[in-house]
Amino acid sequence: MNRRDYYEILGVERGADQDSVKRAYRKLALKYHPDHNPDDSEAEAKFKEAAEAYDVLQDPEKRARYDRFGHAGVSGGQNFHSTEDIFSHFGDIFGDFFGFAGMGAGRRGASRPQAGSDLRYNLDLTFRDAAKGSEVKISVPRHVSCEECSGSGAAPGTSPAACPQCNGLGQVRRSAGFVQLAVTCPRCHGQGRVISTPCPKCRGTGRMEQRRELSVTIPAGVDNGNRLRLRGEGEPGLNGGPPGDLFVVLRVAADKEFERQGQDLLLVREVSFVQAALGDTIEIPTLNEPIKLSIPKGTQSGQFFRVNGEGLPYPGERRRGNLLVE
């Protein structure tokens, strides 16, 4: 019977690069994976078909023969029939994309470096501190390696042992239909090791909570809800992974005199009927020193006067908003 073109199966052009081929295959593998389509023979067939196409097109030599001679150039295709046929070729793709490892993946998950978690710190600011910028000291709780056990989690004089359930691999195999998957070991939680005598100080976790004093620079003109990112100041990584980041979320209090409208400020001032009718000069506050504002005669109630450059700074820029006086 006629067999479908491998490029057609993956939905890519004949000149597609390897990254495009890989992305196309991942998309189909996710769509037709047996875990997502239980007892669906049509999805299973398409899953195998996509695997067969990818096996040829991801290999430069096979792809060249296929481009020249078609299916005959690759011995009629691989015709995958077993789980081993599929996952022996694509363990890396499925391990990274679906969160599990295929057959023969081995120890990949047990000691893989993991980035540390990000942390959040809510920082309360006065309106004036947010407007003018400031330097604020904060104390952030986070975890550090336990000094007693040097982060191993085992009591001094002892050491972790290989997990007897997964033999130190961090994974055990489970069958799901025609697919055999390697899943996280329930006993060691993927670490590949168990601690028989936990460290009394950290209770086997290998980490302790510690407060860290940090200085945070608040740019002038920040607003309520703005976030400042302090790279590398989050939780430490595991197995040599990078630390997370600290996000400082600003909560700016309202001001008694000024109402904020973006980077502009609104100030309401009352004047007498005589001042409005005949005109006058009044003193108004700003974020810095008070200034004089001329009220022309015939001014109406609710009229606005704009004082350029007396609003809030734009963070990281030299320009400022304006002061609107009603």
C-alpha atoms as a PDB file:
ATOM      1  CA  MET A   1       0.000   0.000   0.000  1.00  0.00           C
ATOM      2  CA  ASN A   2       1.088   3.598  -0.468  1.00  0.00           C
ATOM      3  CA  ARG A   3       2.941   5.079   2.477  1.00  0.00           C
ATOM      4  CA  ARG A   4       2.677   8.692   3.499  1.00  0.00           C
ATOM      5  CA  ASP A   5       5.551  11.070   2.894  1.00  0.00           C
ATOM      6  CA  TYR A   6       7.602  11.638   6.053  1.00  0.00           C
ATOM      7  CA  TYR A   7       7.664  15.398   5.547  1.00  0.00           C
ATOM      8  CA  GLU A   8       3.889  15.372   5.162  1.00  0.00           C
ATOM      9  CA  ILE A   9       3.510  13.347   8.364  1.00  0.00           C
ATOM     10  CA  LEU A  10       5.479  15.887  10.401  1.00  0.00           C
ATOM     11  CA  GLY A  11       4.029  18.857   8.537  1.00  0.00           C
ATOM     12  CA  VAL A  12       7.382  20.397   7.553  1.00  0.00           C
ATOM     13  CA  GLU A  13       8.931  21.515   4.264  1.00  0.00           C
ATOM     14  CA  ARG A  14      11.610  19.413   2.621  1.00  0.00           C
ATOM     15  CA  GLY A  15      14.197  22.058   3.367  1.00  0.00           C
ATOM     16  CA  ALA A  16      13.271  22.321   7.069  1.00  0.00           C
ATOM     17  CA  ASP A  17      16.187  22.457   9.497  1.00  0.00           C
ATOM     18  CA  GLN A  18      16.693  19.971  12.321  1.00  0.00           C
ATOM     19  CA  ASP A  19      15.159  22.253  14.977  1.00  0.00           C
ATOM     20  CA  SER A  20      11.976  22.584  12.905  1.00  0.00           C
ATOM     21  CA  VAL A  21      11.801  18.824  12.459  1.00  0.00           C
ATOM     22  CA  LYS A  22      12.266  18.272  16.169  1.00  0.00           C
ATOM     23  CA  ARG A  23       9.621  20.851  17.123  1.00  0.00           C
ATOM     24  CA  ALA A  24       7.130  19.341  14.683  1.00  0.00           C
ATOM     25  CA  TYR A  25       7.718  15.870  16.070  1.00  0.00           C
ATOM     26  CA  ARG A  26       7.335  17.050  19.659  1.00  0.00           C
ATOM     27  CA  LYS A  27       3.999  18.637  18.813  1.00  0.00           C
ATOM     28  CA  LEU A  28       2.659  15.422  17.270  1.00  0.00           C
ATOM     29  CA  ALA A  29       4.121  13.239  20.010  1.00  0.00           C
ATOM     30  CA  LEU A  30       2.330  15.273  22.649  1.00  0.00           C
ATOM     31  CA  LYS A  31      -0.939  15.243  20.693  1.00  0.00           C
ATOM     32  CA  TYR A  32      -1.015  11.497  20.013  1.00  0.00           C
ATOM     33  CA  HIS A  33       0.851  10.149  23.032  1.00  0.00           C
ATOM     34  CA  PRO A  34      -0.881   7.020  24.441  1.00  0.00           C
ATOM     35  CA  ASP A  35      -1.067   8.551  27.922  1.00  0.00           C
ATOM     36  CA  HIS A  36      -3.243  11.325  26.486  1.00  0.00           C
ATOM     37  CA  ASN A  37      -5.256   8.970  24.251  1.00  0.00           C
ATOM     38  CA  PRO A  38      -5.910   5.730  26.174  1.00  0.00           C
ATOM     39  CA  ASP A  39      -7.411   2.878  24.152  1.00  0.00           C
ATOM     40  CA  ASP A  40      -7.314   4.966  20.963  1.00  0.00           C
ATOM     41  CA  SER A  41      -5.849   2.776  18.215  1.00  0.00           C
ATOM     42  CA  GLU A  42      -5.893   5.601  15.655  1.00  0.00           C
ATOM     43  CA  ALA A  43      -3.879   7.908  17.934  1.00  0.00           C
ATOM     44  CA  GLU A  44      -1.472   5.050  18.668  1.00  0.00           C
ATOM     45  CA  ALA A  45      -0.939   4.492  14.950  1.00  0.00           C
ATOM     46  CA  LYS A  46      -0.266   8.204  14.347  1.00  0.00           C
ATOM     47  CA  PHE A  47       2.118   8.253  17.310  1.00  0.00           C
ATOM     48  CA  LYS A  48       4.137   5.409  15.767  1.00  0.00           C
ATOM     49  CA  GLU A  49       3.937   7.006  12.329  1.00  0.00           C
ATOM     50  CA  ALA A  50       5.372  10.285  13.631  1.00  0.00           C
ATOM     51  CA  ALA A  51       8.132   8.396  15.449  1.00  0.00           C
ATOM     52  CA  GLU A  52       9.048   6.549  12.264  1.00  0.00           C
ATOM     53  CA  ALA A  53       9.176   9.794  10.270  1.00  0.00           C
ATOM     54  CA  TYR A  54      11.297  11.513  12.875  1.00  0.00           C
ATOM     55  CA  ASP A  55      13.732   8.601  13.096  1.00  0.00           C
ATOM     56  CA  VAL A  56      14.544   9.105   9.412  1.00  0.00           C
ATOM     57  CA  LEU A  57      14.468  12.888   9.128  1.00  0.00           C
ATOM     58  CA  GLN A  58      16.538  13.559  12.238  1.00  0.00           C
ATOM     59  CA  ASP A  59      19.408  11.453  10.897  1.00  0.00           C
ATOM     60  CA  PRO A  60      21.308  13.317   8.121  1.00  0.00           C
ATOM     61  CA  GLU A  61      22.401  10.107   6.378  1.00  0.00           C
ATOM     62  CA  LYS A  62      18.963   8.489   6.443  1.00  0.00           C
ATOM     63  CA  ARG A  63      17.360  11.750   5.389  1.00  0.00           C
ATOM     64  CA  ALA A  64      19.677  12.089   2.388  1.00  0.00           C
ATOM     65  CA  ARG A  65      18.820   8.538   1.239  1.00  0.00           C
ATOM     66  CA  TYR A  66      15.120   9.191   1.752  1.00  0.00           C
ATOM     67  CA  ASP A  67      15.263  12.468  -0.201  1.00  0.00           C
ATOM     68  CA  ARG A  68      16.899  10.626  -3.116  1.00  0.00           C
ATOM     69  CA  PHE A  69      15.180   7.236  -3.153  1.00  0.00           C
ATOM     70  CA  GLY A  70      12.060   7.671  -0.993  1.00  0.00           C
ATOM     71  CA  HIS A  71      10.986   4.885   1.366  1.00  0.00           C
ATOM     72  CA  ALA A  72      13.081   2.366  -0.538  1.00  0.00           C
ATOM     73  CA  GLY A  73      16.192   4.308   0.400  1.00  0.00           C
ATOM     74  CA  VAL A  74      15.619   3.645   4.089  1.00  0.00           C
ATOM     75  CA  SER A  75      14.648  -0.018   3.750  1.00  0.00           C
ATOM     76  CA  GLY A  76      10.982   0.816   3.644  1.00  0.00           C
ATOM     77  CA  GLY A  77      11.098   2.765   6.887  1.00  0.00           C
ATOM     78  CA  GLN A  78      11.655   1.566  10.392  1.00  0.00           C
ATOM     79  CA  ASN A  79       8.139   0.185  11.020  1.00  0.00           C
ATOM     80  CA  PHE A  80       8.251   0.593  14.781  1.00  0.00           C
ATOM     81  CA  HIS A  81       6.309  -2.138  16.541  1.00  0.00           C
ATOM     82  CA  SER A  82       7.546  -2.017  20.113  1.00  0.00           C
ATOM     83  CA  THR A  83       8.091   0.467  22.880  1.00  0.00           C
ATOM     84  CA  GLU A  84      11.830  -0.167  22.753  1.00  0.00           C
ATOM     85  CA  ASP A  85      11.948   0.779  19.063  1.00  0.00           C
ATOM     86  CA  ILE A  86      10.390   4.180  19.719  1.00  0.00           C
ATOM     87  CA  PHE A  87      11.913   5.230  22.995  1.00  0.00           C
ATOM     88  CA  SER A  88      15.429   3.993  22.305  1.00  0.00           C
ATOM     89  CA  HIS A  89      15.630   6.689  19.630  1.00  0.00           C
ATOM     90  CA  PHE A  90      13.805   9.490  21.421  1.00  0.00           C
ATOM     91  CA  GLY A  91      14.506   9.193  25.157  1.00  0.00           C
ATOM     92  CA  ASP A  92      15.921  12.702  25.349  1.00  0.00           C
ATOM     93  CA  ILE A  93      12.898  14.295  23.687  1.00  0.00           C
ATOM     94  CA  PHE A  94      10.367  12.540  25.892  1.00  0.00           C
ATOM     95  CA  GLY A  95      12.420  13.010  29.037  1.00  0.00           C
ATOM     96  CA  ASP A  96      12.636  16.756  28.518  1.00  0.00           C
ATOM     97  CA  PHE A  97       9.215  17.394  27.029  1.00  0.00           C
ATOM     98  CA  PHE A  98       6.884  15.145  28.982  1.00  0.00           C
ATOM     99  CA  GLY A  99       8.710  15.161  32.298  1.00  0.00           C
ATOM    100  CA  PHE A 100       9.576  11.431  32.287  1.00  0.00           C
ATOM    101  CA  ALA A 101      12.395   9.420  30.778  1.00  0.00           C
ATOM    102  CA  GLY A 102      12.101   6.701  28.189  1.00  0.00           C
ATOM    103  CA  MET A 103      13.653   3.279  28.385  1.00  0.00           C
ATOM    104  CA  GLY A 104      17.355   3.289  29.064  1.00  0.00           C
ATOM    105  CA  ALA A 105      17.299   6.832  30.429  1.00  0.00           C
ATOM    106  CA  GLY A 106      19.186   5.684  33.496  1.00  0.00           C
ATOM    107  CA  ARG A 107      20.262   8.116  36.145  1.00  0.00           C
ATOM    108  CA  ARG A 108      19.291  11.362  34.368  1.00  0.00           C
ATOM    109  CA  GLY A 109      16.836  12.645  37.013  1.00  0.00           C
ATOM    110  CA  ALA A 110      18.679  11.559  40.143  1.00  0.00           C
ATOM    111  CA  SER A 111      21.403  14.188  40.298  1.00  0.00           C
ATOM    112  CA  ARG A 112      20.401  16.688  37.625  1.00  0.00           C
ATOM    113  CA  PRO A 113      21.126  20.283  38.719  1.00  0.00           C
ATOM    114  CA  GLN A 114      17.970  22.130  39.703  1.00  0.00           C
ATOM    115  CA  ALA A 115      17.529  25.886  39.868  1.00  0.00           C
ATOM    116  CA  GLY A 116      16.536  27.297  43.235  1.00  0.00           C
ATOM    117  CA  SER A 117      13.051  28.658  43.835  1.00  0.00           C
ATOM    118  CA  ASP A 118      12.265  32.348  43.435  1.00  0.00           C
ATOM    119  CA  LEU A 119      11.268  34.280  46.554  1.00  0.00           C
ATOM    120  CA  ARG A 120       8.846  37.181  47.059  1.00  0.00           C
ATOM    121  CA  TYR A 121       9.195  39.993  49.563  1.00  0.00           C
ATOM    122  CA  ASN A 122       6.478  42.624  50.096  1.00  0.00           C
ATOM    123  CA  LEU A 123       8.003  46.018  50.869  1.00  0.00           C
ATOM    124  CA  ASP A 124       5.883  48.872  52.236  1.00  0.00           C
ATOM    125  CA  LEU A 125       6.938  52.381  51.197  1.00  0.00           C
ATOM    126  CA  THR A 126       5.723  55.854  51.992  1.00  0.00           C
ATOM    127  CA  PHE A 127       4.554  57.947  49.053  1.00  0.00           C
ATOM    128  CA  ARG A 128       7.535  60.285  49.429  1.00  0.00           C
ATOM    129  CA  ASP A 129      10.107  57.457  49.532  1.00  0.00           C
ATOM    130  CA  ALA A 130       8.605  56.004  46.352  1.00  0.00           C
ATOM    131  CA  ALA A 131       8.550  59.437  44.699  1.00  0.00           C
ATOM    132  CA  LYS A 132      12.122  60.411  45.505  1.00  0.00           C
ATOM    133  CA  GLY A 133      13.758  56.990  45.612  1.00  0.00           C
ATOM    134  CA  SER A 134      15.546  55.515  48.586  1.00  0.00           C
ATOM    135  CA  GLU A 135      17.856  52.816  49.892  1.00  0.00           C
ATOM    136  CA  VAL A 136      16.036  50.267  52.062  1.00  0.00           C
ATOM    137  CA  LYS A 137      17.421  47.479  54.227  1.00  0.00           C
ATOM    138  CA  ILE A 138      15.397  44.263  54.259  1.00  0.00           C
ATOM    139  CA  SER A 139      15.795  40.938  56.043  1.00  0.00           C
ATOM    140  CA  VAL A 140      14.840  37.932  53.905  1.00  0.00           C
ATOM    141  CA  PRO A 141      14.462  34.363  55.228  1.00  0.00           C
ATOM    142  CA  ARG A 142      15.831  31.709  52.903  1.00  0.00           C
ATOM    143  CA  HIS A 143      17.488  28.297  53.080  1.00  0.00           C
ATOM    144  CA  VAL A 144      21.219  27.646  53.179  1.00  0.00           C
ATOM    145  CA  SER A 145      23.270  24.463  53.300  1.00  0.00           C
ATOM    146  CA  CYS A 146      23.357  22.880  56.766  1.00  0.00           C
ATOM    147  CA  GLU A 147      26.778  23.420  58.364  1.00  0.00           C
ATOM    148  CA  GLU A 148      26.453  20.341  60.559  1.00  0.00           C
ATOM    149  CA  CYS A 149      26.193  17.838  57.695  1.00  0.00           C
ATOM    150  CA  SER A 150      27.587  20.022  54.871  1.00  0.00           C
ATOM    151  CA  GLY A 151      24.269  19.710  53.077  1.00  0.00           C
ATOM    152  CA  SER A 152      24.234  15.901  52.836  1.00  0.00           C
ATOM    153  CA  GLY A 153      21.313  15.481  55.236  1.00  0.00           C
ATOM    154  CA  ALA A 154      23.089  12.584  56.957  1.00  0.00           C
ATOM    155  CA  ALA A 155      24.288  12.711  60.537  1.00  0.00           C
ATOM    156  CA  PRO A 156      28.036  13.439  60.958  1.00  0.00           C
ATOM    157  CA  GLY A 157      30.030  10.233  60.543  1.00  0.00           C
ATOM    158  CA  THR A 158      27.413   8.660  58.277  1.00  0.00           C
ATOM    159  CA  SER A 159      26.556   9.050  54.615  1.00  0.00           C
ATOM    160  CA  PRO A 160      23.509   8.508  52.382  1.00  0.00           C
ATOM    161  CA  ALA A 161      23.127   5.083  50.770  1.00  0.00           C
ATOM    162  CA  ALA A 162      21.813   4.096  47.352  1.00  0.00           C
ATOM    163  CA  CYS A 163      18.050   3.693  47.362  1.00  0.00           C
ATOM    164  CA  PRO A 164      17.241  -0.051  47.461  1.00  0.00           C
ATOM    165  CA  GLN A 165      13.986   0.382  45.515  1.00  0.00           C
ATOM    166  CA  CYS A 166      15.478   2.065  42.434  1.00  0.00           C
ATOM    167  CA  ASN A 167      19.129   0.985  42.941  1.00  0.00           C
ATOM    168  CA  GLY A 168      20.240   4.605  43.006  1.00  0.00           C
ATOM    169  CA  LEU A 169      18.678   5.541  39.661  1.00  0.00           C
ATOM    170  CA  GLY A 170      16.024   7.808  41.126  1.00  0.00           C
ATOM    171  CA  GLN A 171      13.428   6.182  38.853  1.00  0.00           C
ATOM    172  CA  VAL A 172      11.387   2.992  38.650  1.00  0.00           C
ATOM    173  CA  ARG A 173       9.637   1.585  35.585  1.00  0.00           C
ATOM    174  CA  ARG A 174       5.874   1.480  35.191  1.00  0.00           C
ATOM    175  CA  SER A 175       3.803   0.075  32.325  1.00  0.00           C
ATOM    176  CA  ALA A 176       1.031   2.155  30.732  1.00  0.00           C
ATOM    177  CA  GLY A 177      -0.557   0.238  27.888  1.00  0.00           C
ATOM    178  CA  PHE A 178       2.071  -0.540  25.301  1.00  0.00           C
ATOM    179  CA  VAL A 179       4.408   2.100  26.745  1.00  0.00           C
ATOM    180  CA  GLN A 180       6.825   1.477  29.593  1.00  0.00           C
ATOM    181  CA  LEU A 181       7.784   4.625  31.451  1.00  0.00           C
ATOM    182  CA  ALA A 182      10.409   5.517  34.012  1.00  0.00           C
ATOM    183  CA  VAL A 183       8.782   7.484  36.818  1.00  0.00           C
ATOM    184  CA  THR A 184      10.163   9.122  39.949  1.00  0.00           C
ATOM    185  CA  CYS A 185      10.983   6.613  42.663  1.00  0.00           C
ATOM    186  CA  PRO A 186       8.396   6.974  45.468  1.00  0.00           C
ATOM    187  CA  ARG A 187      10.884   6.047  48.173  1.00  0.00           C
ATOM    188  CA  CYS A 188      13.764   8.440  47.461  1.00  0.00           C
ATOM    189  CA  HIS A 189      11.666  10.997  45.504  1.00  0.00           C
ATOM    190  CA  GLY A 190      14.072  10.907  42.597  1.00  0.00           C
ATOM    191  CA  GLN A 191      17.242  11.540  44.594  1.00  0.00           C
ATOM    192  CA  GLY A 192      18.599   8.031  44.127  1.00  0.00           C
ATOM    193  CA  ARG A 193      19.667   7.833  47.749  1.00  0.00           C
ATOM    194  CA  VAL A 194      18.170   7.366  51.205  1.00  0.00           C
ATOM    195  CA  ILE A 195      19.341   8.601  54.596  1.00  0.00           C
ATOM    196  CA  SER A 196      19.151   6.039  57.401  1.00  0.00           C
ATOM    197  CA  THR A 197      20.512   8.389  60.107  1.00  0.00           C
ATOM    198  CA  PRO A 198      19.305  11.961  59.473  1.00  0.00           C
ATOM    199  CA  CYS A 199      21.298  14.964  60.631  1.00  0.00           C
ATOM    200  CA  PRO A 200      19.759  16.106  63.958  1.00  0.00           C
ATOM    201  CA  LYS A 201      20.210  19.789  63.118  1.00  0.00           C
ATOM    202  CA  CYS A 202      18.460  19.896  59.734  1.00  0.00           C
ATOM    203  CA  ARG A 203      16.411  16.691  60.225  1.00  0.00           C
ATOM    204  CA  GLY A 204      17.775  15.167  57.045  1.00  0.00           C
ATOM    205  CA  THR A 205      16.858  18.005  54.708  1.00  0.00           C
ATOM    206  CA  GLY A 206      20.444  19.234  54.288  1.00  0.00           C
ATOM    207  CA  ARG A 207      19.253  22.851  54.561  1.00  0.00           C
ATOM    208  CA  MET A 208      18.530  25.372  57.288  1.00  0.00           C
ATOM    209  CA  GLU A 209      16.538  28.592  57.251  1.00  0.00           C
ATOM    210  CA  GLN A 210      18.633  31.730  57.665  1.00  0.00           C
ATOM    211  CA  ARG A 211      17.842  35.433  57.400  1.00  0.00           C
ATOM    212  CA  ARG A 212      19.890  37.486  54.971  1.00  0.00           C
ATOM    213  CA  GLU A 213      20.239  41.254  55.204  1.00  0.00           C
ATOM    214  CA  LEU A 214      20.003  42.982  51.839  1.00  0.00           C
ATOM    215  CA  SER A 215      20.095  46.572  50.667  1.00  0.00           C
ATOM    216  CA  VAL A 216      17.473  47.417  48.037  1.00  0.00           C
ATOM    217  CA  THR A 217      17.744  50.497  45.842  1.00  0.00           C
ATOM    218  CA  ILE A 218      14.306  51.977  45.164  1.00  0.00           C
ATOM    219  CA  PRO A 219      14.285  53.996  41.911  1.00  0.00           C
ATOM    220  CA  ALA A 220      12.538  57.362  42.098  1.00  0.00           C
ATOM    221  CA  GLY A 221       8.986  57.321  40.767  1.00  0.00           C
ATOM    222  CA  VAL A 222       8.058  53.670  41.383  1.00  0.00           C
ATOM    223  CA  ASP A 223       4.378  52.827  41.743  1.00  0.00           C
ATOM    224  CA  ASN A 224       2.283  50.503  43.841  1.00  0.00           C
ATOM    225  CA  GLY A 225       2.646  46.909  42.609  1.00  0.00           C
ATOM    226  CA  ASN A 226       5.985  47.457  40.849  1.00  0.00           C
ATOM    227  CA  ARG A 227       8.472  44.611  41.253  1.00  0.00           C
ATOM    228  CA  LEU A 228      12.213  44.797  41.680  1.00  0.00           C
ATOM    229  CA  ARG A 229      14.224  41.713  40.713  1.00  0.00           C
ATOM    230  CA  LEU A 230      17.347  40.813  42.674  1.00  0.00           C
ATOM    231  CA  ARG A 231      19.056  38.082  40.680  1.00  0.00           C
ATOM    232  CA  GLY A 232      20.556  35.181  42.604  1.00  0.00           C
ATOM    233  CA  GLU A 233      19.048  36.211  45.933  1.00  0.00           C
ATOM    234  CA  GLY A 234      16.394  33.470  46.018  1.00  0.00           C
ATOM    235  CA  GLU A 235      16.673  29.920  47.291  1.00  0.00           C
ATOM    236  CA  PRO A 236      19.942  28.098  46.516  1.00  0.00           C
ATOM    237  CA  GLY A 237      19.902  25.528  43.731  1.00  0.00           C
ATOM    238  CA  LEU A 238      20.203  21.777  44.199  1.00  0.00           C
ATOM    239  CA  ASN A 239      23.000  19.564  42.878  1.00  0.00           C
ATOM    240  CA  GLY A 240      24.990  22.575  41.709  1.00  0.00           C
ATOM    241  CA  GLY A 241      22.033  24.341  40.095  1.00  0.00           C
ATOM    242  CA  PRO A 242      21.819  28.174  40.025  1.00  0.00           C
ATOM    243  CA  PRO A 243      20.021  30.063  42.792  1.00  0.00           C
ATOM    244  CA  GLY A 244      16.594  31.571  42.242  1.00  0.00           C
ATOM    245  CA  ASP A 245      15.790  35.277  42.242  1.00  0.00           C
ATOM    246  CA  LEU A 246      14.195  37.546  44.826  1.00  0.00           C
ATOM    247  CA  PHE A 247      11.248  39.661  43.702  1.00  0.00           C
ATOM    248  CA  VAL A 248      10.585  42.689  45.878  1.00  0.00           C
ATOM    249  CA  VAL A 249       6.955  43.771  45.422  1.00  0.00           C
ATOM    250  CA  LEU A 250       6.359  47.421  46.315  1.00  0.00           C
ATOM    251  CA  ARG A 251       3.302  48.558  48.233  1.00  0.00           C
ATOM    252  CA  VAL A 252       3.164  52.353  48.135  1.00  0.00           C
ATOM    253  CA  ALA A 253       0.966  54.203  50.621  1.00  0.00           C
ATOM    254  CA  ALA A 254      -1.340  57.020  49.516  1.00  0.00           C
ATOM    255  CA  ASP A 255      -0.369  60.655  50.161  1.00  0.00           C
ATOM    256  CA  LYS A 256      -2.447  63.192  52.117  1.00  0.00           C
ATOM    257  CA  GLU A 257      -1.981  65.998  49.588  1.00  0.00           C
ATOM    258  CA  PHE A 258      -1.243  64.522  46.184  1.00  0.00           C
ATOM    259  CA  GLU A 259      -3.277  62.093  44.119  1.00  0.00           C
ATOM    260  CA  ARG A 260      -1.264  60.078  41.658  1.00  0.00           C
ATOM    261  CA  GLN A 261      -2.261  59.753  37.995  1.00  0.00           C
ATOM    262  CA  GLY A 262       0.553  57.767  36.412  1.00  0.00           C
ATOM    263  CA  GLN A 263       3.604  60.000  36.731  1.00  0.00           C
ATOM    264  CA  ASP A 264       1.445  63.137  37.063  1.00  0.00           C
ATOM    265  CA  LEU A 265       0.283  64.497  40.401  1.00  0.00           C
ATOM    266  CA  LEU A 266      -3.069  66.092  41.131  1.00  0.00           C
ATOM    267  CA  LEU A 267      -3.401  68.771  43.815  1.00  0.00           C
ATOM    268  CA  VAL A 268      -6.722  70.345  44.794  1.00  0.00           C
ATOM    269  CA  ARG A 269      -6.661  73.866  46.289  1.00  0.00           C
ATOM    270  CA  GLU A 270      -9.518  76.107  47.403  1.00  0.00           C
ATOM    271  CA  VAL A 271      -9.482  79.849  46.620  1.00  0.00           C
ATOM    272  CA  SER A 272     -11.998  82.480  47.530  1.00  0.00           C
ATOM    273  CA  PHE A 273     -14.486  84.006  45.087  1.00  0.00           C
ATOM    274  CA  VAL A 274     -12.549  87.276  45.205  1.00  0.00           C
ATOM    275  CA  GLN A 275      -9.217  85.556  44.402  1.00  0.00           C
ATOM    276  CA  ALA A 276     -10.808  83.744  41.465  1.00  0.00           C
ATOM    277  CA  ALA A 277     -12.586  86.831  40.175  1.00  0.00           C
ATOM    278  CA  LEU A 278      -9.756  89.343  40.543  1.00  0.00           C
ATOM    279  CA  GLY A 279      -6.770  87.015  40.281  1.00  0.00           C
ATOM    280  CA  ASP A 280      -4.076  86.267  42.873  1.00  0.00           C
ATOM    281  CA  THR A 281      -0.789  84.451  43.516  1.00  0.00           C
ATOM    282  CA  ILE A 282      -0.918  81.494  45.895  1.00  0.00           C
ATOM    283  CA  GLU A 283       1.692  79.158  47.330  1.00  0.00           C
ATOM    284  CA  ILE A 284       1.379  75.454  46.547  1.00  0.00           C
ATOM    285  CA  PRO A 285       3.418  72.478  47.740  1.00  0.00           C
ATOM    286  CA  THR A 286       5.473  70.244  45.443  1.00  0.00           C
ATOM    287  CA  LEU A 287       7.549  67.164  46.123  1.00  0.00           C
ATOM    288  CA  ASN A 288      10.439  69.526  46.800  1.00  0.00           C
ATOM    289  CA  GLU A 289      10.036  73.180  47.827  1.00  0.00           C
ATOM    290  CA  PRO A 290       6.754  75.152  47.705  1.00  0.00           C
ATOM    291  CA  ILE A 291       6.308  77.334  44.618  1.00  0.00           C
ATOM    292  CA  LYS A 292       4.151  80.313  43.638  1.00  0.00           C
ATOM    293  CA  LEU A 293       1.193  79.791  41.289  1.00  0.00           C
ATOM    294  CA  SER A 294      -0.491  82.694  39.524  1.00  0.00           C
ATOM    295  CA  ILE A 295      -4.286  82.577  39.458  1.00  0.00           C
ATOM    296  CA  PRO A 296      -5.558  84.791  36.592  1.00  0.00           C
ATOM    297  CA  LYS A 297      -8.697  86.835  37.091  1.00  0.00           C
ATOM    298  CA  GLY A 298     -11.898  85.214  36.006  1.00  0.00           C
ATOM    299  CA  THR A 299     -10.737  81.715  36.989  1.00  0.00           C
ATOM    300  CA  GLN A 300     -13.624  79.228  37.139  1.00  0.00           C
ATOM    301  CA  SER A 301     -14.225  76.538  39.738  1.00  0.00           C
ATOM    302  CA  GLY A 302     -12.739  73.203  38.588  1.00  0.00           C
ATOM    303  CA  GLN A 303     -10.200  74.845  36.294  1.00  0.00           C
ATOM    304  CA  PHE A 304      -6.808  73.088  35.970  1.00  0.00           C
ATOM    305  CA  PHE A 305      -3.348  74.632  35.890  1.00  0.00           C
ATOM    306  CA  ARG A 306      -0.373  72.601  34.715  1.00  0.00           C
ATOM    307  CA  VAL A 307       3.036  72.993  36.349  1.00  0.00           C
ATOM    308  CA  ASN A 308       5.490  71.219  34.048  1.00  0.00           C
ATOM    309  CA  GLY A 309       8.130  68.931  35.510  1.00  0.00           C
ATOM    310  CA  GLU A 310       6.800  68.944  39.084  1.00  0.00           C
ATOM    311  CA  GLY A 311       5.311  65.455  38.930  1.00  0.00           C
ATOM    312  CA  LEU A 312       6.958  62.093  39.545  1.00  0.00           C
ATOM    313  CA  PRO A 313      10.153  60.950  37.829  1.00  0.00           C
ATOM    314  CA  TYR A 314       9.930  58.159  35.284  1.00  0.00           C
ATOM    315  CA  PRO A 315      12.012  55.324  36.813  1.00  0.00           C
ATOM    316  CA  GLY A 316      15.406  55.124  35.142  1.00  0.00           C
ATOM    317  CA  GLU A 317      14.790  58.243  33.028  1.00  0.00           C
ATOM    318  CA  ARG A 318      15.496  61.945  33.349  1.00  0.00           C
ATOM    319  CA  ARG A 319      12.018  63.156  32.452  1.00  0.00           C
ATOM    320  CA  ARG A 320       9.275  63.788  34.968  1.00  0.00           C
ATOM    321  CA  GLY A 321       5.510  64.037  34.984  1.00  0.00           C
ATOM    322  CA  ASN A 322       3.596  67.244  35.675  1.00  0.00           C
ATOM    323  CA  LEU A 323       1.709  68.735  38.600  1.00  0.00           C
ATOM    324  CA  LEU A 324      -1.952  69.446  37.897  1.00  0.00           C
ATOM    325  CA  VAL A 325      -3.578  71.981  40.224  1.00  0.00           C
ATOM    326  CA  GLU A 326      -7.361  72.098  40.352  1.00  0.00           C
END
